[in-house]
Amino acid sequence: MPHDRLVLGIDPGSRCMGYGLVRERSGVLTLVEAGTVRPDGESMSARLGLMYSRVVQLLQTHSPQAVAVENVFFARNSDSALKLGQARGAVLAACGVHGVEVFGYEPTLVKKSLVGAGRAEKSQVSFMVGQLLGVRPDWAEDAGDALAVAICHHNHCRFLAAAAAGQAGVSRL
């Protein structure tokens, strides 16, 4: 039976949330869906509610095995940091209600996982996401970031599986 894992990647933001679903089957990554949620002009509670609802819809429609979320790492001020945290909280709440495990990744780790450099430009990351998925990157920047987080999680899972397999053959002397 071929290995099959579906991961939902999320790039949370108070004005725009990127999402991307990436399937890995027998070591091959494929794009399932990607997009953004842009609830402009609404109150913060309405924006968070829309983000929560969209994540719930994605979880119900696709039933991913895991959700990978980019950690909040930078904000211009405390108000921005609070809003980013609230957006991330809406995502975490939706996943918690549906019993889906969530994994957080620092942006520098995501970039290093895909490009090999933690300070890579967004264009480099988007290019590598397209290469790894075998598609032309024509998505919004936030959706590309979400796809990158999903791919980073797939890479992390492969690494853990390889490490566990390596440990199985090791004996103490």
Protein backbone atom coordinates (compact mmCIF):
# COMPACT_ATOMS: atom_id res chain seq x y z
CA MET A 1 0.00 0.00 0.00
CA PRO A 2 1.59 3.31 -1.01
CA HIS A 3 2.35 5.90 1.63
CA ASP A 4 -0.23 8.70 1.38
CA ARG A 5 -0.25 11.83 3.56
CA LEU A 6 -2.21 15.06 3.08
CA VAL A 7 -1.06 18.20 4.89
CA LEU A 8 -2.83 21.55 5.10
CA GLY A 9 -0.37 24.43 5.33
CA ILE A 10 -1.52 27.77 6.76
CA ASP A 11 0.13 31.20 6.66
CA PRO A 12 -1.97 33.16 9.18
CA GLY A 13 -2.45 36.89 8.92
CA SER A 14 -4.92 39.41 10.27
CA ARG A 15 -5.80 40.72 6.79
CA CYS A 16 -5.00 37.68 4.64
CA MET A 17 -4.65 33.99 5.43
CA GLY A 18 -2.90 31.77 2.91
CA TYR A 19 -3.65 28.06 2.72
CA GLY A 20 -2.33 25.16 0.69
CA LEU A 21 -2.96 21.44 0.62
CA VAL A 22 -0.10 19.18 -0.42
CA ARG A 23 -0.37 15.41 -0.81
CA GLU A 24 2.59 13.07 -0.65
CA ARG A 25 2.09 9.66 -2.19
CA SER A 26 5.08 7.31 -2.36
CA GLY A 27 7.49 10.23 -2.03
CA VAL A 28 5.88 12.38 -4.74
CA LEU A 29 4.38 15.73 -3.74
CA THR A 30 1.29 17.08 -5.52
CA LEU A 31 -0.70 20.27 -5.19
CA VAL A 32 -4.30 19.65 -4.13
CA GLU A 33 -5.55 23.21 -3.56
CA ALA A 34 -4.20 26.63 -2.64
CA GLY A 35 -5.70 30.03 -2.04
CA THR A 36 -6.23 32.93 0.30
CA VAL A 37 -8.91 34.26 2.60
CA ARG A 38 -9.06 38.07 2.43
CA PRO A 39 -11.85 39.35 4.67
CA ASP A 40 -11.10 43.05 4.03
CA GLY A 41 -13.18 45.83 5.50
CA GLU A 42 -14.78 43.79 8.25
CA SER A 43 -14.35 43.92 12.01
CA MET A 44 -11.60 41.81 13.57
CA SER A 45 -14.14 39.36 15.00
CA ALA A 46 -15.76 38.93 11.57
CA ARG A 47 -12.34 38.39 9.91
CA LEU A 48 -11.39 35.78 12.52
CA GLY A 49 -14.76 34.07 12.12
CA LEU A 50 -14.29 33.90 8.35
CA MET A 51 -10.79 32.42 8.75
CA TYR A 52 -12.08 29.87 11.27
CA SER A 53 -14.96 28.91 8.96
CA ARG A 54 -12.68 28.47 5.93
CA VAL A 55 -10.28 26.25 7.89
CA VAL A 56 -13.24 24.16 9.10
CA GLN A 57 -14.46 23.85 5.51
CA LEU A 58 -11.00 22.73 4.31
CA LEU A 59 -10.75 20.18 7.14
CA GLN A 60 -14.20 18.77 6.38
CA THR A 61 -13.67 18.66 2.62
CA HIS A 62 -10.15 17.21 2.52
CA SER A 63 -9.57 15.50 5.91
CA PRO A 64 -5.82 16.21 6.11
CA GLN A 65 -3.73 14.11 8.48
CA ALA A 66 -1.99 17.23 9.84
CA VAL A 67 -1.97 21.01 9.69
CA ALA A 68 1.31 22.93 9.48
CA VAL A 69 1.18 26.58 10.54
CA GLU A 70 3.82 29.24 10.15
CA ASN A 71 4.73 30.61 13.57
CA VAL A 72 4.41 34.33 14.19
CA PHE A 73 7.94 35.65 14.21
CA PHE A 74 7.81 39.37 13.58
CA ALA A 75 5.47 42.27 14.07
CA ARG A 76 6.05 45.98 13.67
CA ASN A 77 4.36 46.68 16.99
CA SER A 78 2.52 44.96 19.81
CA ASP A 79 -0.89 45.60 18.22
CA SER A 80 0.21 43.80 15.04
CA ALA A 81 1.63 40.91 17.06
CA LEU A 82 -1.64 40.57 18.95
CA LYS A 83 -3.68 40.50 15.72
CA LEU A 84 -1.37 37.89 14.16
CA GLY A 85 -1.68 35.80 17.30
CA GLN A 86 -5.46 36.04 17.14
CA ALA A 87 -5.47 34.91 13.49
CA ARG A 88 -3.26 31.97 14.40
CA GLY A 89 -5.58 31.24 17.32
CA ALA A 90 -8.59 31.03 14.97
CA VAL A 91 -6.71 28.41 12.93
CA LEU A 92 -5.67 26.45 16.02
CA ALA A 93 -9.22 26.51 17.40
CA ALA A 94 -10.67 25.14 14.15
CA CYS A 95 -8.09 22.33 14.17
CA GLY A 96 -8.68 21.61 17.85
CA VAL A 97 -12.43 21.29 17.38
CA HIS A 98 -11.84 18.82 14.53
CA GLY A 99 -9.12 16.85 16.32
CA VAL A 100 -6.42 17.50 13.73
CA GLU A 101 -2.85 17.72 14.99
CA VAL A 102 -1.11 21.06 14.39
CA PHE A 103 2.62 21.62 13.89
CA GLY A 104 4.26 25.06 14.01
CA TYR A 105 7.31 26.02 11.97
CA GLU A 106 9.52 29.10 12.11
CA PRO A 107 9.74 30.96 8.78
CA THR A 108 13.53 30.56 8.68
CA LEU A 109 13.20 26.77 9.08
CA VAL A 110 10.62 26.64 6.27
CA LYS A 111 12.95 28.58 3.96
CA LYS A 112 15.97 26.47 4.91
CA SER A 113 13.97 23.26 4.36
CA LEU A 114 13.04 24.27 0.80
CA VAL A 115 15.83 26.53 -0.41
CA GLY A 116 18.74 25.67 1.88
CA ALA A 117 18.99 29.19 3.31
CA GLY A 118 16.94 30.59 6.19
CA ARG A 119 17.04 34.11 4.75
CA ALA A 120 15.91 33.19 1.24
CA GLU A 121 13.75 35.64 -0.70
CA LYS A 122 10.05 34.88 -1.15
CA SER A 123 10.61 34.54 -4.90
CA GLN A 124 13.18 31.78 -4.29
CA VAL A 125 10.80 29.94 -1.98
CA SER A 126 7.94 30.25 -4.47
CA PHE A 127 10.18 28.96 -7.26
CA MET A 128 11.18 25.90 -5.19
CA VAL A 129 7.56 25.22 -4.20
CA GLY A 130 6.68 25.17 -7.92
CA GLN A 131 9.60 22.87 -8.70
CA LEU A 132 8.76 20.44 -5.91
CA LEU A 133 5.07 20.34 -6.86
CA GLY A 134 5.76 20.23 -10.61
CA VAL A 135 3.60 23.28 -11.32
CA ARG A 136 4.11 26.87 -12.37
CA PRO A 137 3.82 29.14 -9.30
CA ASP A 138 0.82 31.34 -10.11
CA TRP A 139 -0.60 31.64 -6.61
CA ALA A 140 -0.77 34.62 -4.25
CA GLU A 141 2.27 35.18 -2.04
CA ASP A 142 0.42 34.09 1.11
CA ALA A 143 -0.77 30.87 -0.56
CA GLY A 144 2.81 30.16 -1.65
CA ASP A 145 3.99 30.60 1.94
CA ALA A 146 1.30 28.18 3.11
CA LEU A 147 2.35 25.60 0.51
CA ALA A 148 5.95 26.01 1.67
CA VAL A 149 4.92 25.28 5.28
CA ALA A 150 3.05 22.14 4.16
CA ILE A 151 6.09 20.93 2.19
CA CYS A 152 8.34 21.68 5.18
CA HIS A 153 6.12 19.43 7.30
CA HIS A 154 6.34 16.64 4.71
CA ASN A 155 10.14 17.01 4.77
CA HIS A 156 10.13 16.90 8.57
CA CYS A 157 8.02 13.70 8.58
CA ARG A 158 10.34 12.04 6.04
CA PHE A 159 13.34 12.97 8.17
CA LEU A 160 11.76 11.52 11.32
CA ALA A 161 10.82 8.31 9.51
CA ALA A 162 14.35 7.94 8.13
CA ALA A 163 15.86 8.59 11.56
CA ALA A 164 13.56 6.01 13.15
CA ALA A 165 14.42 3.45 10.46
CA GLY A 166 18.12 4.12 11.04
CA GLN A 167 17.74 3.64 14.78
CA ALA A 168 16.07 0.27 14.23
CA GLY A 169 19.31 -1.12 12.82
CA VAL A 170 21.52 0.29 15.58
CA SER A 171 22.58 -1.87 18.50
CA ARG A 172 24.36 -0.85 21.68
CA LEU A 173 27.92 -2.04 22.14
